[in-house]
Amino acid sequence: MKQIHKIIALFSMIFITGIFITVVNINAPLNINTSPESVKIQKDSLYFKKLDNKTI
């Protein structure tokens, strides 16, 4: 019976250690603060020029 308890304790420690390592590895890339890239927004002037030239 003592052997069964030792085996169960060993496998439970391996299981808990595996879960802990997995959680640490998944959370590591999520904690990195990256600054968002800035993009300049410009209006398309060609579209507005085409609208100005049309007559109704």
N, C-alpha and C. Protein backbone atom coordinates (compact mmCIF):
# COMPACT_ATOMS: atom_id res chain seq x y z
N MET A 1 0.81 -1.20 0.00
CA MET A 1 0.00 0.00 0.00
C MET A 1 0.86 1.26 0.00
N LYS A 2 1.99 1.20 0.70
CA LYS A 2 2.85 2.38 0.74
C LYS A 2 3.42 2.69 -0.65
N GLN A 3 3.67 1.65 -1.42
CA GLN A 3 4.19 1.87 -2.77
C GLN A 3 3.16 2.58 -3.64
N ILE A 4 1.90 2.23 -3.49
CA ILE A 4 0.84 2.87 -4.29
C ILE A 4 0.74 4.34 -3.93
N HIS A 5 0.82 4.68 -2.67
CA HIS A 5 0.76 6.07 -2.23
C HIS A 5 1.96 6.86 -2.78
N LYS A 6 3.13 6.26 -2.80
CA LYS A 6 4.30 6.93 -3.35
C LYS A 6 4.15 7.16 -4.84
N ILE A 7 3.62 6.17 -5.56
CA ILE A 7 3.43 6.30 -7.01
C ILE A 7 2.40 7.38 -7.31
N ILE A 8 1.31 7.39 -6.56
CA ILE A 8 0.27 8.41 -6.78
C ILE A 8 0.82 9.79 -6.45
N ALA A 9 1.59 9.93 -5.40
CA ALA A 9 2.19 11.21 -5.04
C ALA A 9 3.17 11.67 -6.12
N LEU A 10 3.95 10.76 -6.66
CA LEU A 10 4.92 11.10 -7.70
C LEU A 10 4.20 11.60 -8.96
N PHE A 11 3.17 10.87 -9.41
CA PHE A 11 2.45 11.28 -10.60
C PHE A 11 1.69 12.58 -10.39
N SER A 12 1.16 12.79 -9.19
CA SER A 12 0.46 14.05 -8.93
C SER A 12 1.44 15.22 -8.93
N MET A 13 2.64 15.04 -8.40
CA MET A 13 3.65 16.10 -8.43
C MET A 13 4.07 16.41 -9.87
N ILE A 14 4.25 15.37 -10.68
CA ILE A 14 4.61 15.58 -12.09
C ILE A 14 3.48 16.32 -12.80
N PHE A 15 2.24 15.95 -12.53
CA PHE A 15 1.09 16.58 -13.17
C PHE A 15 0.98 18.05 -12.78
N ILE A 16 1.11 18.35 -11.49
CA ILE A 16 1.01 19.73 -11.02
C ILE A 16 2.18 20.57 -11.56
N THR A 17 3.37 20.00 -11.60
CA THR A 17 4.52 20.71 -12.15
C THR A 17 4.32 21.01 -13.63
N GLY A 18 3.78 20.07 -14.38
CA GLY A 18 3.51 20.28 -15.80
C GLY A 18 2.49 21.38 -16.03
N ILE A 19 1.44 21.41 -15.22
CA ILE A 19 0.44 22.47 -15.34
C ILE A 19 1.06 23.82 -15.03
N PHE A 20 1.87 23.91 -13.99
CA PHE A 20 2.51 25.17 -13.61
C PHE A 20 3.43 25.67 -14.72
N ILE A 21 4.24 24.79 -15.29
CA ILE A 21 5.16 25.19 -16.37
C ILE A 21 4.38 25.64 -17.59
N THR A 22 3.29 24.96 -17.91
CA THR A 22 2.47 25.35 -19.06
C THR A 22 1.85 26.73 -18.85
N VAL A 23 1.34 27.00 -17.68
CA VAL A 23 0.73 28.30 -17.40
C VAL A 23 1.77 29.41 -17.48
N VAL A 24 2.95 29.18 -16.96
CA VAL A 24 4.02 30.19 -17.01
C VAL A 24 4.43 30.45 -18.46
N ASN A 25 4.54 29.40 -19.26
CA ASN A 25 4.95 29.57 -20.66
C ASN A 25 3.88 30.28 -21.48
N ILE A 26 2.62 30.07 -21.18
CA ILE A 26 1.54 30.73 -21.92
C ILE A 26 1.44 32.19 -21.52
N ASN A 27 1.59 32.51 -20.24
CA ASN A 27 1.44 33.88 -19.78
C ASN A 27 2.64 34.77 -20.09
N ALA A 28 3.80 34.20 -20.35
CA ALA A 28 4.99 35.01 -20.62
C ALA A 28 4.81 35.91 -21.84
N PRO A 29 4.35 35.42 -23.00
CA PRO A 29 4.18 36.33 -24.15
C PRO A 29 3.03 37.30 -23.97
N LEU A 30 2.07 36.98 -23.13
CA LEU A 30 0.92 37.86 -22.94
C LEU A 30 1.26 39.06 -22.07
N ASN A 31 2.29 38.97 -21.25
CA ASN A 31 2.64 40.07 -20.35
C ASN A 31 3.54 41.12 -20.98
N ILE A 32 4.02 40.88 -22.20
CA ILE A 32 4.91 41.83 -22.86
C ILE A 32 4.09 43.02 -23.35
N ASN A 33 4.48 44.23 -22.94
CA ASN A 33 3.78 45.43 -23.38
C ASN A 33 4.42 45.93 -24.67
N THR A 34 3.69 45.83 -25.75
CA THR A 34 4.19 46.32 -27.03
C THR A 34 3.42 47.57 -27.39
N SER A 35 4.14 48.57 -27.85
CA SER A 35 3.48 49.81 -28.23
C SER A 35 2.83 49.61 -29.60
N PRO A 36 1.60 50.04 -29.75
CA PRO A 36 0.94 49.85 -31.05
C PRO A 36 1.58 50.72 -32.12
N GLU A 37 1.64 50.20 -33.30
CA GLU A 37 2.23 50.94 -34.40
C GLU A 37 1.27 52.04 -34.83
N SER A 38 1.82 53.21 -35.08
CA SER A 38 0.97 54.32 -35.49
C SER A 38 0.92 54.37 -37.01
N VAL A 39 -0.25 54.61 -37.52
CA VAL A 39 -0.46 54.69 -38.95
C VAL A 39 -1.12 56.02 -39.25
N LYS A 40 -0.58 56.74 -40.22
CA LYS A 40 -1.18 58.01 -40.60
C LYS A 40 -2.37 57.73 -41.52
N ILE A 41 -3.47 58.37 -41.22
CA ILE A 41 -4.68 58.20 -42.01
C ILE A 41 -4.80 59.40 -42.94
N GLN A 42 -4.93 59.11 -44.22
CA GLN A 42 -5.10 60.16 -45.21
C GLN A 42 -6.37 59.89 -46.01
N LYS A 43 -7.08 60.96 -46.31
CA LYS A 43 -8.27 60.81 -47.13
C LYS A 43 -7.85 60.70 -48.59
N ASP A 44 -8.59 59.92 -49.32
CA ASP A 44 -8.31 59.76 -50.74
C ASP A 44 -8.85 60.96 -51.49
N SER A 45 -7.95 61.80 -51.99
CA SER A 45 -8.38 63.03 -52.64
C SER A 45 -8.94 62.77 -54.04
N LEU A 46 -8.57 61.66 -54.66
CA LEU A 46 -9.06 61.37 -56.00
C LEU A 46 -10.57 61.13 -56.00
N TYR A 47 -11.05 60.50 -54.94
CA TYR A 47 -12.48 60.23 -54.85
C TYR A 47 -13.28 61.54 -54.78
N PHE A 48 -12.79 62.46 -54.00
CA PHE A 48 -13.50 63.74 -53.85
C PHE A 48 -13.43 64.57 -55.14
N LYS A 49 -12.32 64.51 -55.87
CA LYS A 49 -12.20 65.24 -57.12
C LYS A 49 -13.16 64.71 -58.18
N LYS A 50 -13.35 63.41 -58.20
CA LYS A 50 -14.29 62.82 -59.16
C LYS A 50 -15.71 63.26 -58.84
N LEU A 51 -16.04 63.40 -57.58
CA LEU A 51 -17.39 63.84 -57.21
C LEU A 51 -17.60 65.28 -57.57
N ASP A 52 -16.57 66.13 -57.46
CA ASP A 52 -16.73 67.55 -57.76
C ASP A 52 -16.94 67.81 -59.24
N ASN A 53 -16.39 66.98 -60.11
CA ASN A 53 -16.47 67.22 -61.53
C ASN A 53 -17.81 66.76 -62.14
N LYS A 54 -18.55 65.96 -61.45
CA LYS A 54 -19.81 65.44 -61.99
C LYS A 54 -20.91 66.49 -61.84
N THR A 55 -21.78 66.55 -62.81
CA THR A 55 -22.93 67.45 -62.72
C THR A 55 -24.18 66.62 -62.55
N ILE A 56 -25.12 67.16 -61.86
CA ILE A 56 -26.36 66.44 -61.59
C ILE A 56 -27.44 66.88 -62.56
